[in-house]
């Protein structure tokens, strides 16, 4: 556990030092990449310089503070490499490979922030955590028309309910037909058959 805490602390200190250096570059206190190189062709010199300085300074401050480390470290590295390429490599007459490689090294110093720098809890390594995770059993959800089996089950349930209602009605009628004194009611007389000669 002490090693993971030491690694986390070291990476945090490196992140703060690199972020401070990038903020100093953005404010013009240290020579480095020109943050306005990407914005000057579209916005002009004054507005491009302001936009580049604000963008580089904001990315560096967010990187230093640790907000969204993966997003901001990758964005900062891409911004530094893009600005350096626009500044040092676009015109072959004034190509400055030394300045470009300096900025590439700076971008590589920023990239370890893209890795999650949280101290790992003691215990099993992360590769075993996936194997022991709870298994997920997805349920099928049907949309649209119900299946034939489901429709048949619903029809059978309706028929059984109707049968029960009919039997209950017949039982109620039979109870009403029986007189209370226990004497069987007289049946109507049968009609006599009439024979006709052939």
N, C-alpha and C. Protein backbone atom coordinates (compact mmCIF):
# COMPACT_ATOMS: atom_id res chain seq x y z
N UNK A 1 0.82 -1.20 0.00
CA UNK A 1 0.00 0.00 0.00
C UNK A 1 0.87 1.25 0.00
N UNK A 2 1.99 1.19 0.65
CA UNK A 2 2.87 2.36 0.71
C UNK A 2 3.42 2.68 -0.67
N UNK A 3 3.72 1.65 -1.48
CA UNK A 3 4.23 1.90 -2.83
C UNK A 3 3.18 2.59 -3.70
N UNK A 4 1.92 2.14 -3.62
CA UNK A 4 0.89 2.78 -4.44
C UNK A 4 0.67 4.23 -4.01
N UNK A 5 0.72 4.50 -2.71
CA UNK A 5 0.59 5.88 -2.24
C UNK A 5 1.75 6.74 -2.73
N UNK A 6 2.97 6.15 -2.72
CA UNK A 6 4.15 6.87 -3.19
C UNK A 6 4.05 7.16 -4.69
N UNK A 7 3.59 6.17 -5.46
CA UNK A 7 3.43 6.39 -6.90
C UNK A 7 2.39 7.48 -7.17
N UNK A 8 1.29 7.43 -6.46
CA UNK A 8 0.23 8.43 -6.65
C UNK A 8 0.74 9.83 -6.31
N UNK A 9 1.48 9.94 -5.21
CA UNK A 9 2.02 11.24 -4.81
C UNK A 9 3.03 11.76 -5.83
N UNK A 10 3.89 10.87 -6.32
CA UNK A 10 4.89 11.29 -7.31
C UNK A 10 4.23 11.75 -8.60
N UNK A 11 3.21 11.01 -9.07
CA UNK A 11 2.52 11.42 -10.29
C UNK A 11 1.78 12.74 -10.10
N UNK A 12 1.24 12.96 -8.92
CA UNK A 12 0.56 14.23 -8.65
C UNK A 12 1.53 15.40 -8.66
N UNK A 13 2.71 15.21 -8.06
CA UNK A 13 3.72 16.28 -8.06
C UNK A 13 4.20 16.56 -9.48
N UNK A 14 4.44 15.51 -10.26
CA UNK A 14 4.85 15.70 -11.66
C UNK A 14 3.77 16.45 -12.43
N UNK A 15 2.51 16.09 -12.20
CA UNK A 15 1.41 16.77 -12.89
C UNK A 15 1.37 18.25 -12.54
N UNK A 16 1.57 18.58 -11.28
CA UNK A 16 1.53 19.99 -10.86
C UNK A 16 2.70 20.77 -11.44
N UNK A 17 3.91 20.16 -11.45
CA UNK A 17 5.09 20.85 -12.00
C UNK A 17 4.92 21.09 -13.50
N UNK A 18 4.48 20.06 -14.24
CA UNK A 18 4.30 20.21 -15.69
C UNK A 18 3.20 21.23 -15.97
N UNK A 19 2.11 21.19 -15.20
CA UNK A 19 1.04 22.17 -15.39
C UNK A 19 1.49 23.59 -15.12
N UNK A 20 2.32 23.77 -14.10
CA UNK A 20 2.86 25.10 -13.80
C UNK A 20 3.73 25.60 -14.94
N UNK A 21 4.54 24.71 -15.51
CA UNK A 21 5.40 25.09 -16.64
C UNK A 21 4.54 25.50 -17.84
N UNK A 22 3.46 24.77 -18.10
CA UNK A 22 2.60 25.11 -19.24
C UNK A 22 1.88 26.44 -19.00
N UNK A 23 1.47 26.70 -17.76
CA UNK A 23 0.85 28.00 -17.45
C UNK A 23 1.85 29.13 -17.66
N UNK A 24 3.11 28.90 -17.27
CA UNK A 24 4.15 29.92 -17.49
C UNK A 24 4.37 30.17 -18.97
N UNK A 25 4.31 29.11 -19.78
CA UNK A 25 4.42 29.28 -21.25
C UNK A 25 3.24 30.10 -21.76
N UNK A 26 2.03 29.78 -21.28
CA UNK A 26 0.84 30.49 -21.76
C UNK A 26 0.88 31.97 -21.40
N UNK A 27 1.43 32.29 -20.24
CA UNK A 27 1.50 33.70 -19.82
C UNK A 27 2.71 34.43 -20.38
N UNK A 28 3.58 33.73 -21.10
CA UNK A 28 4.75 34.36 -21.71
C UNK A 28 5.92 34.53 -20.76
N UNK A 29 5.91 33.85 -19.62
CA UNK A 29 7.02 33.96 -18.67
C UNK A 29 8.19 33.08 -19.06
N UNK A 30 7.94 32.03 -19.84
CA UNK A 30 8.98 31.08 -20.26
C UNK A 30 8.84 30.90 -21.76
N UNK A 31 9.97 30.74 -22.45
CA UNK A 31 9.92 30.50 -23.89
C UNK A 31 9.41 29.09 -24.14
N UNK A 32 8.54 28.97 -25.12
CA UNK A 32 7.99 27.65 -25.44
C UNK A 32 7.08 27.75 -26.64
N UNK A 33 6.11 26.87 -26.69
CA UNK A 33 5.19 26.82 -27.82
C UNK A 33 4.37 28.12 -27.87
N UNK A 34 4.07 28.56 -29.09
CA UNK A 34 3.25 29.75 -29.28
C UNK A 34 1.78 29.34 -29.26
N UNK A 35 1.03 29.68 -28.22
CA UNK A 35 -0.36 29.22 -28.15
C UNK A 35 -1.26 29.86 -29.20
N UNK A 36 -0.82 30.96 -29.80
CA UNK A 36 -1.66 31.64 -30.79
C UNK A 36 -1.50 31.07 -32.18
N UNK A 37 -0.59 30.12 -32.39
CA UNK A 37 -0.29 29.64 -33.74
C UNK A 37 -1.50 29.01 -34.42
N UNK A 38 -2.37 28.37 -33.67
CA UNK A 38 -3.55 27.74 -34.29
C UNK A 38 -4.67 28.75 -34.57
N UNK A 39 -4.70 29.85 -33.83
CA UNK A 39 -5.83 30.78 -33.92
C UNK A 39 -5.57 32.00 -34.80
N UNK A 40 -4.30 32.37 -35.00
CA UNK A 40 -3.98 33.59 -35.76
C UNK A 40 -4.51 33.55 -37.19
N UNK A 41 -4.39 32.44 -37.94
CA UNK A 41 -4.91 32.47 -39.32
C UNK A 41 -6.41 32.73 -39.40
N UNK A 42 -7.17 32.32 -38.39
CA UNK A 42 -8.62 32.49 -38.46
C UNK A 42 -9.11 33.75 -37.76
N UNK A 43 -8.45 34.16 -36.67
CA UNK A 43 -8.97 35.25 -35.85
C UNK A 43 -8.15 36.54 -35.92
N UNK A 44 -6.99 36.49 -36.51
CA UNK A 44 -6.12 37.67 -36.53
C UNK A 44 -5.14 37.64 -35.37
N UNK A 45 -4.12 38.53 -35.39
CA UNK A 45 -3.06 38.46 -34.38
C UNK A 45 -3.52 38.74 -32.96
N UNK A 46 -4.29 39.81 -32.74
CA UNK A 46 -4.65 40.18 -31.36
C UNK A 46 -5.63 39.18 -30.76
N UNK A 47 -6.71 38.89 -31.49
CA UNK A 47 -7.72 37.96 -30.98
C UNK A 47 -7.18 36.54 -30.91
N UNK A 48 -6.35 36.15 -31.89
CA UNK A 48 -5.76 34.81 -31.88
C UNK A 48 -4.83 34.62 -30.71
N UNK A 49 -4.05 35.67 -30.37
CA UNK A 49 -3.15 35.57 -29.22
C UNK A 49 -3.95 35.42 -27.92
N UNK A 50 -5.02 36.19 -27.80
CA UNK A 50 -5.86 36.09 -26.60
C UNK A 50 -6.53 34.72 -26.51
N UNK A 51 -7.08 34.24 -27.63
CA UNK A 51 -7.76 32.93 -27.62
C UNK A 51 -6.78 31.81 -27.29
N UNK A 52 -5.58 31.85 -27.88
CA UNK A 52 -4.59 30.81 -27.61
C UNK A 52 -4.11 30.82 -26.17
N UNK A 53 -3.87 32.03 -25.63
CA UNK A 53 -3.42 32.13 -24.24
C UNK A 53 -4.48 31.62 -23.28
N UNK A 54 -5.73 32.02 -23.50
CA UNK A 54 -6.82 31.58 -22.61
C UNK A 54 -7.02 30.06 -22.71
N UNK A 55 -6.96 29.52 -23.93
CA UNK A 55 -7.16 28.08 -24.11
C UNK A 55 -6.06 27.29 -23.43
N UNK A 56 -4.80 27.66 -23.68
CA UNK A 56 -3.68 26.92 -23.09
C UNK A 56 -3.68 27.05 -21.58
N UNK A 57 -3.96 28.24 -21.07
CA UNK A 57 -3.98 28.45 -19.62
C UNK A 57 -5.12 27.66 -18.97
N UNK A 58 -6.29 27.65 -19.58
CA UNK A 58 -7.43 26.92 -19.01
C UNK A 58 -7.17 25.41 -19.01
N UNK A 59 -6.62 24.89 -20.12
CA UNK A 59 -6.31 23.46 -20.16
C UNK A 59 -5.27 23.08 -19.12
N UNK A 60 -4.25 23.93 -18.96
CA UNK A 60 -3.19 23.64 -17.99
C UNK A 60 -3.71 23.71 -16.56
N UNK A 61 -4.56 24.68 -16.26
CA UNK A 61 -5.11 24.78 -14.90
C UNK A 61 -6.03 23.61 -14.58
N UNK A 62 -6.85 23.20 -15.54
CA UNK A 62 -7.72 22.04 -15.31
C UNK A 62 -6.88 20.77 -15.14
N UNK A 63 -5.80 20.66 -15.91
CA UNK A 63 -4.89 19.51 -15.79
C UNK A 63 -4.22 19.50 -14.42
N UNK A 64 -3.77 20.67 -13.97
CA UNK A 64 -3.11 20.75 -12.66
C UNK A 64 -4.08 20.43 -11.53
N UNK A 65 -5.31 20.90 -11.64
CA UNK A 65 -6.30 20.69 -10.57
C UNK A 65 -6.80 19.25 -10.54
N UNK A 66 -6.61 18.51 -11.62
CA UNK A 66 -7.02 17.11 -11.64
C UNK A 66 -8.45 16.89 -12.08
N UNK A 67 -9.08 17.89 -12.70
CA UNK A 67 -10.44 17.72 -13.20
C UNK A 67 -10.41 16.95 -14.50
N UNK A 68 -11.12 15.86 -14.58
CA UNK A 68 -11.20 15.09 -15.82
C UNK A 68 -9.83 14.83 -16.41
N UNK A 69 -8.99 14.14 -15.65
CA UNK A 69 -7.58 14.00 -16.04
C UNK A 69 -7.41 13.44 -17.45
N UNK A 70 -8.17 12.43 -17.79
CA UNK A 70 -7.99 11.83 -19.12
C UNK A 70 -8.34 12.82 -20.22
N UNK A 71 -9.45 13.49 -20.06
CA UNK A 71 -9.89 14.43 -21.10
C UNK A 71 -8.94 15.62 -21.21
N UNK A 72 -8.61 16.24 -20.08
CA UNK A 72 -7.82 17.46 -20.14
C UNK A 72 -6.35 17.20 -20.46
N UNK A 73 -5.80 16.06 -20.01
CA UNK A 73 -4.41 15.78 -20.36
C UNK A 73 -4.28 15.47 -21.85
N UNK A 74 -5.24 14.71 -22.39
CA UNK A 74 -5.20 14.43 -23.83
C UNK A 74 -5.42 15.71 -24.63
N UNK A 75 -6.34 16.56 -24.19
CA UNK A 75 -6.59 17.82 -24.90
C UNK A 75 -5.38 18.74 -24.85
N UNK A 76 -4.74 18.80 -23.68
CA UNK A 76 -3.55 19.65 -23.54
C UNK A 76 -2.41 19.15 -24.43
N UNK A 77 -2.19 17.84 -24.45
CA UNK A 77 -1.12 17.28 -25.29
C UNK A 77 -1.40 17.55 -26.77
N UNK A 78 -2.64 17.36 -27.20
CA UNK A 78 -2.98 17.62 -28.61
C UNK A 78 -2.84 19.10 -28.95
N UNK A 79 -3.23 19.97 -28.03
CA UNK A 79 -3.11 21.41 -28.29
C UNK A 79 -1.64 21.83 -28.40
N UNK A 80 -0.79 21.29 -27.51
CA UNK A 80 0.64 21.64 -27.55
C UNK A 80 1.27 21.14 -28.85
N UNK A 81 0.99 19.89 -29.23
CA UNK A 81 1.59 19.34 -30.46
C UNK A 81 1.05 20.08 -31.69
N UNK A 82 -0.25 20.37 -31.72
CA UNK A 82 -0.82 21.09 -32.86
C UNK A 82 -0.27 22.50 -32.99
N UNK A 83 -0.16 23.21 -31.88
CA UNK A 83 0.40 24.57 -31.93
C UNK A 83 1.86 24.55 -32.33
N UNK A 84 2.60 23.56 -31.82
CA UNK A 84 4.02 23.48 -32.18
C UNK A 84 4.20 23.14 -33.65
N UNK A 85 3.37 22.24 -34.17
CA UNK A 85 3.46 21.90 -35.59
C UNK A 85 3.11 23.11 -36.45
N UNK A 86 2.08 23.86 -36.05
CA UNK A 86 1.71 25.06 -36.82
C UNK A 86 2.80 26.13 -36.74
N UNK A 87 3.48 26.21 -35.61
CA UNK A 87 4.51 27.23 -35.43
C UNK A 87 5.82 26.84 -36.10
N UNK A 88 6.23 25.58 -35.96
CA UNK A 88 7.59 25.18 -36.35
C UNK A 88 7.69 24.40 -37.64
N UNK A 89 6.63 23.79 -38.14
CA UNK A 89 6.77 22.90 -39.29
C UNK A 89 6.02 23.35 -40.53
N UNK A 90 5.13 24.32 -40.44
CA UNK A 90 4.33 24.67 -41.61
C UNK A 90 5.13 25.35 -42.72
N UNK A 91 6.03 26.22 -42.37
CA UNK A 91 6.84 26.87 -43.41
C UNK A 91 8.22 26.21 -43.46
N UNK A 92 8.58 25.60 -44.60
CA UNK A 92 9.87 24.90 -44.69
C UNK A 92 11.07 25.82 -44.51
N UNK A 93 10.91 27.11 -44.83
CA UNK A 93 12.05 28.03 -44.72
C UNK A 93 12.42 28.27 -43.27
N UNK A 94 11.42 28.34 -42.39
CA UNK A 94 11.71 28.62 -40.98
C UNK A 94 11.37 27.43 -40.09
N UNK A 95 11.60 26.23 -40.58
CA UNK A 95 11.31 25.03 -39.79
C UNK A 95 12.29 24.93 -38.63
N UNK A 96 11.76 24.70 -37.44
CA UNK A 96 12.58 24.61 -36.24
C UNK A 96 12.31 23.26 -35.58
N UNK A 97 13.12 22.26 -35.95
CA UNK A 97 12.91 20.91 -35.40
C UNK A 97 13.24 20.85 -33.92
N UNK A 98 14.19 21.66 -33.48
CA UNK A 98 14.55 21.64 -32.07
C UNK A 98 13.36 22.09 -31.20
N UNK A 99 12.70 23.16 -31.60
CA UNK A 99 11.53 23.63 -30.86
C UNK A 99 10.38 22.64 -30.91
N UNK A 100 10.21 21.99 -32.08
CA UNK A 100 9.14 21.00 -32.21
C UNK A 100 9.37 19.82 -31.27
N UNK A 101 10.63 19.31 -31.22
CA UNK A 101 10.91 18.17 -30.34
C UNK A 101 10.80 18.55 -28.87
N UNK A 102 11.13 19.79 -28.54
CA UNK A 102 10.95 20.25 -27.16
C UNK A 102 9.47 20.19 -26.77
N UNK A 103 8.61 20.61 -27.69
CA UNK A 103 7.17 20.60 -27.40
C UNK A 103 6.60 19.18 -27.40
N UNK A 104 7.16 18.29 -28.21
CA UNK A 104 6.73 16.89 -28.19
C UNK A 104 7.07 16.26 -26.84
N UNK A 105 8.26 16.58 -26.32
CA UNK A 105 8.65 16.06 -24.99
C UNK A 105 7.70 16.61 -23.93
N UNK A 106 7.32 17.87 -24.04
CA UNK A 106 6.36 18.45 -23.09
C UNK A 106 5.02 17.73 -23.18
N UNK A 107 4.57 17.44 -24.39
CA UNK A 107 3.30 16.71 -24.55
C UNK A 107 3.40 15.31 -23.97
N UNK A 108 4.56 14.66 -24.12
CA UNK A 108 4.74 13.33 -23.54
C UNK A 108 4.78 13.38 -22.02
N UNK A 109 5.22 14.50 -21.45
CA UNK A 109 5.18 14.65 -19.99
C UNK A 109 3.75 14.84 -19.50
N UNK A 110 2.90 15.37 -20.37
CA UNK A 110 1.50 15.58 -19.99
C UNK A 110 0.70 14.27 -20.08
N UNK A 111 1.06 13.40 -21.00
CA UNK A 111 0.25 12.21 -21.28
C UNK A 111 0.09 11.23 -20.13
N UNK A 112 1.04 11.06 -19.20
CA UNK A 112 0.75 10.14 -18.08
C UNK A 112 -0.48 10.54 -17.28
N UNK A 113 -0.91 11.77 -17.39
CA UNK A 113 -2.15 12.16 -16.73
C UNK A 113 -3.37 11.52 -17.35
N UNK A 114 -3.25 11.01 -18.58
CA UNK A 114 -4.37 10.33 -19.22
C UNK A 114 -4.66 8.99 -18.56
N UNK A 115 -3.68 8.44 -17.87
CA UNK A 115 -3.87 7.19 -17.15
C UNK A 115 -4.53 7.53 -15.82
N UNK A 116 -5.44 6.68 -15.38
CA UNK A 116 -6.11 6.94 -14.10
C UNK A 116 -5.07 6.91 -12.99
N UNK A 117 -4.94 8.01 -12.26
CA UNK A 117 -3.90 8.09 -11.23
C UNK A 117 -4.52 8.02 -9.84
N UNK A 118 -5.43 7.11 -9.64
CA UNK A 118 -6.01 6.93 -8.32
C UNK A 118 -5.23 5.85 -7.59
N UNK A 119 -4.97 6.01 -6.30
CA UNK A 119 -4.26 4.96 -5.58
C UNK A 119 -5.12 3.71 -5.48
N UNK A 120 -4.55 2.56 -5.84
CA UNK A 120 -5.30 1.31 -5.84
C UNK A 120 -5.38 0.75 -4.43
N UNK A 121 -6.53 0.27 -4.08
CA UNK A 121 -6.71 -0.32 -2.76
C UNK A 121 -5.92 -1.61 -2.68
N UNK A 122 -5.40 -1.94 -1.50
CA UNK A 122 -4.64 -3.19 -1.38
C UNK A 122 -5.56 -4.38 -1.59
N UNK A 123 -5.00 -5.43 -2.09
CA UNK A 123 -5.80 -6.62 -2.35
C UNK A 123 -5.43 -7.21 -3.68
N UNK A 124 -6.42 -7.77 -4.32
CA UNK A 124 -6.17 -8.44 -5.59
C UNK A 124 -5.93 -7.42 -6.70
N UNK A 125 -5.13 -7.79 -7.67
CA UNK A 125 -4.91 -6.89 -8.82
C UNK A 125 -6.20 -6.72 -9.62
N UNK A 126 -6.17 -5.72 -10.48
CA UNK A 126 -7.38 -5.38 -11.23
C UNK A 126 -7.76 -6.45 -12.23
N UNK A 127 -6.82 -7.25 -12.72
CA UNK A 127 -7.17 -8.22 -13.75
C UNK A 127 -8.07 -9.32 -13.20
N UNK A 128 -8.08 -9.53 -11.87
CA UNK A 128 -8.95 -10.53 -11.29
C UNK A 128 -10.33 -9.96 -10.95
N UNK A 129 -10.45 -8.66 -10.96
CA UNK A 129 -11.73 -8.06 -10.57
C UNK A 129 -12.80 -8.34 -11.61
N UNK A 130 -12.42 -8.43 -12.88
CA UNK A 130 -13.41 -8.67 -13.91
C UNK A 130 -13.96 -10.09 -13.83
N UNK A 131 -13.12 -11.04 -13.48
CA UNK A 131 -13.58 -12.43 -13.42
C UNK A 131 -14.55 -12.66 -12.27
N UNK A 132 -14.40 -11.91 -11.20
CA UNK A 132 -15.24 -12.14 -10.03
C UNK A 132 -16.45 -11.21 -9.99
N UNK A 133 -16.63 -10.43 -11.02
CA UNK A 133 -17.79 -9.53 -11.04
C UNK A 133 -19.07 -10.36 -11.17
N UNK A 134 -20.17 -9.80 -10.71
CA UNK A 134 -21.44 -10.50 -10.79
C UNK A 134 -21.83 -10.71 -12.24
N UNK A 135 -22.35 -11.89 -12.52
CA UNK A 135 -22.79 -12.15 -13.88
C UNK A 135 -24.12 -11.47 -14.12
N UNK A 136 -24.27 -10.95 -15.29
CA UNK A 136 -25.51 -10.27 -15.65
C UNK A 136 -26.30 -11.19 -16.55
N UNK A 137 -27.55 -11.43 -16.19
CA UNK A 137 -28.44 -12.26 -17.00
C UNK A 137 -29.47 -11.34 -17.65
N UNK A 138 -29.30 -11.02 -18.91
CA UNK A 138 -30.23 -10.08 -19.54
C UNK A 138 -31.60 -10.72 -19.74
N UNK A 139 -32.63 -9.91 -19.63
CA UNK A 139 -33.98 -10.37 -19.89
C UNK A 139 -34.40 -9.91 -21.27
N UNK A 140 -35.16 -10.74 -21.93
CA UNK A 140 -35.65 -10.36 -23.25
C UNK A 140 -36.92 -9.55 -23.08
N UNK A 141 -36.97 -8.47 -23.77
CA UNK A 141 -38.15 -7.61 -23.73
C UNK A 141 -38.71 -7.57 -25.13
N UNK A 142 -39.95 -8.05 -25.26
CA UNK A 142 -40.57 -8.10 -26.58
C UNK A 142 -41.37 -6.83 -26.80
N UNK A 143 -41.26 -6.29 -27.99
CA UNK A 143 -42.06 -5.12 -28.35
C UNK A 143 -42.92 -5.50 -29.54
N UNK A 144 -44.02 -4.80 -29.69
CA UNK A 144 -44.88 -5.07 -30.82
C UNK A 144 -45.91 -6.13 -30.48
N UNK A 145 -46.24 -7.01 -31.46
CA UNK A 145 -47.26 -8.04 -31.27
C UNK A 145 -46.77 -9.12 -30.33
N UNK A 146 -47.66 -9.65 -29.45
CA UNK A 146 -47.24 -10.74 -28.57
C UNK A 146 -47.02 -12.02 -29.36
N UNK A 147 -46.26 -12.91 -28.81
CA UNK A 147 -45.98 -14.17 -29.50
C UNK A 147 -47.23 -15.04 -29.51
N UNK A 148 -47.24 -16.08 -30.36
CA UNK A 148 -48.40 -16.98 -30.47
C UNK A 148 -48.63 -17.73 -29.17
N UNK A 149 -47.56 -18.15 -28.53
CA UNK A 149 -47.71 -18.90 -27.28
C UNK A 149 -48.35 -18.02 -26.21
N UNK A 150 -47.91 -16.78 -26.12
CA UNK A 150 -48.47 -15.86 -25.14
C UNK A 150 -49.94 -15.58 -25.44
N UNK A 151 -50.28 -15.41 -26.72
CA UNK A 151 -51.68 -15.18 -27.09
C UNK A 151 -52.54 -16.39 -26.77
N UNK A 152 -52.01 -17.61 -27.00
CA UNK A 152 -52.76 -18.83 -26.69
C UNK A 152 -52.99 -18.96 -25.19
N UNK A 153 -51.97 -18.62 -24.39
CA UNK A 153 -52.13 -18.69 -22.93
C UNK A 153 -53.18 -17.69 -22.45
N UNK A 154 -53.18 -16.49 -23.01
CA UNK A 154 -54.18 -15.50 -22.61
C UNK A 154 -55.58 -15.94 -23.01
N UNK A 155 -55.75 -16.54 -24.20
CA UNK A 155 -57.06 -17.02 -24.63
C UNK A 155 -57.55 -18.15 -23.74
N UNK A 156 -56.65 -19.07 -23.36
CA UNK A 156 -57.04 -20.18 -22.47
C UNK A 156 -57.46 -19.65 -21.11
N UNK A 157 -56.77 -18.64 -20.60
CA UNK A 157 -57.14 -18.06 -19.30
C UNK A 157 -58.51 -17.39 -19.39
N UNK A 158 -58.81 -16.72 -20.50
CA UNK A 158 -60.13 -16.09 -20.65
C UNK A 158 -61.23 -17.14 -20.73
N UNK A 159 -60.98 -18.24 -21.47
CA UNK A 159 -61.98 -19.32 -21.57
C UNK A 159 -62.26 -19.94 -20.21
N UNK A 160 -61.20 -20.17 -19.43
CA UNK A 160 -61.38 -20.76 -18.09
C UNK A 160 -62.19 -19.82 -17.20
N UNK A 161 -61.94 -18.53 -17.30
CA UNK A 161 -62.69 -17.56 -16.50
C UNK A 161 -64.16 -17.55 -16.90
N UNK A 162 -64.44 -17.60 -18.21
CA UNK A 162 -65.83 -17.63 -18.68
C UNK A 162 -66.53 -18.90 -18.22
N UNK A 163 -65.81 -20.04 -18.24
CA UNK A 163 -66.38 -21.31 -17.78
C UNK A 163 -66.76 -21.23 -16.31
N UNK A 164 -65.88 -20.63 -15.50
CA UNK A 164 -66.17 -20.50 -14.07
C UNK A 164 -67.40 -19.62 -13.83
N UNK A 165 -67.50 -18.53 -14.59
CA UNK A 165 -68.66 -17.64 -14.44
C UNK A 165 -69.94 -18.36 -14.84
N UNK A 166 -69.90 -19.13 -15.93
CA UNK A 166 -71.09 -19.87 -16.38
C UNK A 166 -71.51 -20.93 -15.36
N UNK A 167 -70.55 -21.65 -14.78
CA UNK A 167 -70.86 -22.66 -13.77
C UNK A 167 -71.46 -22.01 -12.53
N UNK A 168 -70.94 -20.85 -12.13
CA UNK A 168 -71.49 -20.16 -10.97
C UNK A 168 -72.92 -19.71 -11.25
N UNK A 169 -73.21 -19.25 -12.46
CA UNK A 169 -74.57 -18.83 -12.82
C UNK A 169 -75.53 -20.01 -12.82
N UNK A 170 -75.09 -21.16 -13.35
CA UNK A 170 -75.94 -22.36 -13.35
C UNK A 170 -76.22 -22.83 -11.94
N UNK A 171 -75.22 -22.78 -11.08
CA UNK A 171 -75.43 -23.19 -9.69
C UNK A 171 -76.42 -22.27 -9.00
N UNK A 172 -76.36 -20.98 -9.27
CA UNK A 172 -77.31 -20.04 -8.67
C UNK A 172 -78.72 -20.28 -9.16
N UNK A 173 -78.90 -20.60 -10.43
CA UNK A 173 -80.23 -20.90 -10.97
C UNK A 173 -80.77 -22.19 -10.37
N UNK A 174 -79.92 -23.19 -10.17
CA UNK A 174 -80.37 -24.45 -9.60
C UNK A 174 -80.84 -24.26 -8.17
N UNK A 175 -80.18 -23.40 -7.43
CA UNK A 175 -80.59 -23.14 -6.05
C UNK A 175 -81.93 -22.42 -6.03
N UNK A 176 -82.17 -21.51 -6.96
CA UNK A 176 -83.45 -20.80 -7.01
C UNK A 176 -84.59 -21.73 -7.42
N UNK A 177 -84.33 -22.73 -8.25
CA UNK A 177 -85.37 -23.62 -8.76
C UNK A 177 -85.88 -24.58 -7.70
N UNK A 178 -85.09 -24.94 -6.71
CA UNK A 178 -85.50 -25.89 -5.68
C UNK A 178 -86.41 -25.18 -4.69
N UNK A 179 -87.69 -25.70 -4.44
CA UNK A 179 -88.57 -25.04 -3.48
C UNK A 179 -88.06 -25.23 -2.06
N UNK A 180 -88.50 -24.33 -1.21
CA UNK A 180 -87.99 -24.34 0.15
C UNK A 180 -88.56 -25.47 1.00
N UNK A 181 -89.77 -26.02 0.69
CA UNK A 181 -90.34 -27.08 1.53
C UNK A 181 -89.85 -28.46 1.17
N UNK A 182 -89.06 -28.58 0.19
CA UNK A 182 -88.46 -29.87 -0.19
C UNK A 182 -89.30 -30.68 -1.14
N UNK A 183 -90.50 -30.19 -1.56
CA UNK A 183 -91.35 -30.92 -2.50
C UNK A 183 -90.88 -30.61 -3.90
N UNK A 184 -90.80 -31.67 -4.70
CA UNK A 184 -90.37 -31.49 -6.08
C UNK A 184 -91.47 -30.77 -6.86
N UNK A 185 -91.11 -29.84 -7.68
CA UNK A 185 -92.14 -29.16 -8.47
C UNK A 185 -92.71 -30.10 -9.52
N UNK A 186 -93.97 -29.85 -9.86
CA UNK A 186 -94.60 -30.68 -10.88
C UNK A 186 -94.04 -30.32 -12.24
N UNK A 187 -93.82 -31.38 -12.98
CA UNK A 187 -93.32 -31.17 -14.33
C UNK A 187 -94.49 -30.92 -15.25
N UNK A 188 -94.32 -30.14 -16.27
CA UNK A 188 -95.43 -29.93 -17.20
C UNK A 188 -95.79 -31.23 -17.90
N UNK A 189 -97.06 -31.35 -18.25
CA UNK A 189 -97.53 -32.59 -18.90
C UNK A 189 -96.91 -32.72 -20.26
N UNK A 190 -96.67 -34.00 -20.59
CA UNK A 190 -96.08 -34.28 -21.90
C UNK A 190 -97.16 -34.21 -22.97
N UNK A 191 -96.84 -33.65 -24.07
CA UNK A 191 -97.86 -33.67 -25.12
C UNK A 191 -98.08 -35.09 -25.64
N UNK A 192 -99.35 -35.40 -25.94
CA UNK A 192 -99.67 -36.75 -26.42
C UNK A 192 -99.33 -36.82 -27.89
N UNK A 193 -98.86 -37.99 -28.25
CA UNK A 193 -98.51 -38.20 -29.64
C UNK A 193 -99.78 -38.44 -30.45
N UNK A 194 -99.85 -37.86 -31.56
CA UNK A 194 -101.01 -38.02 -32.44
C UNK A 194 -100.57 -38.87 -33.61
N UNK A 195 -101.34 -39.98 -33.82
CA UNK A 195 -101.00 -40.87 -34.92
C UNK A 195 -101.83 -40.49 -36.13
N UNK A 196 -101.23 -40.41 -37.18
CA UNK A 196 -101.94 -40.10 -38.42
C UNK A 196 -101.84 -41.29 -39.34
N UNK A 197 -102.95 -41.64 -40.01
CA UNK A 197 -102.88 -42.78 -40.93
C UNK A 197 -102.03 -42.45 -42.14
N UNK A 198 -101.39 -43.50 -42.62
CA UNK A 198 -100.52 -43.33 -43.77
C UNK A 198 -101.28 -43.59 -45.04
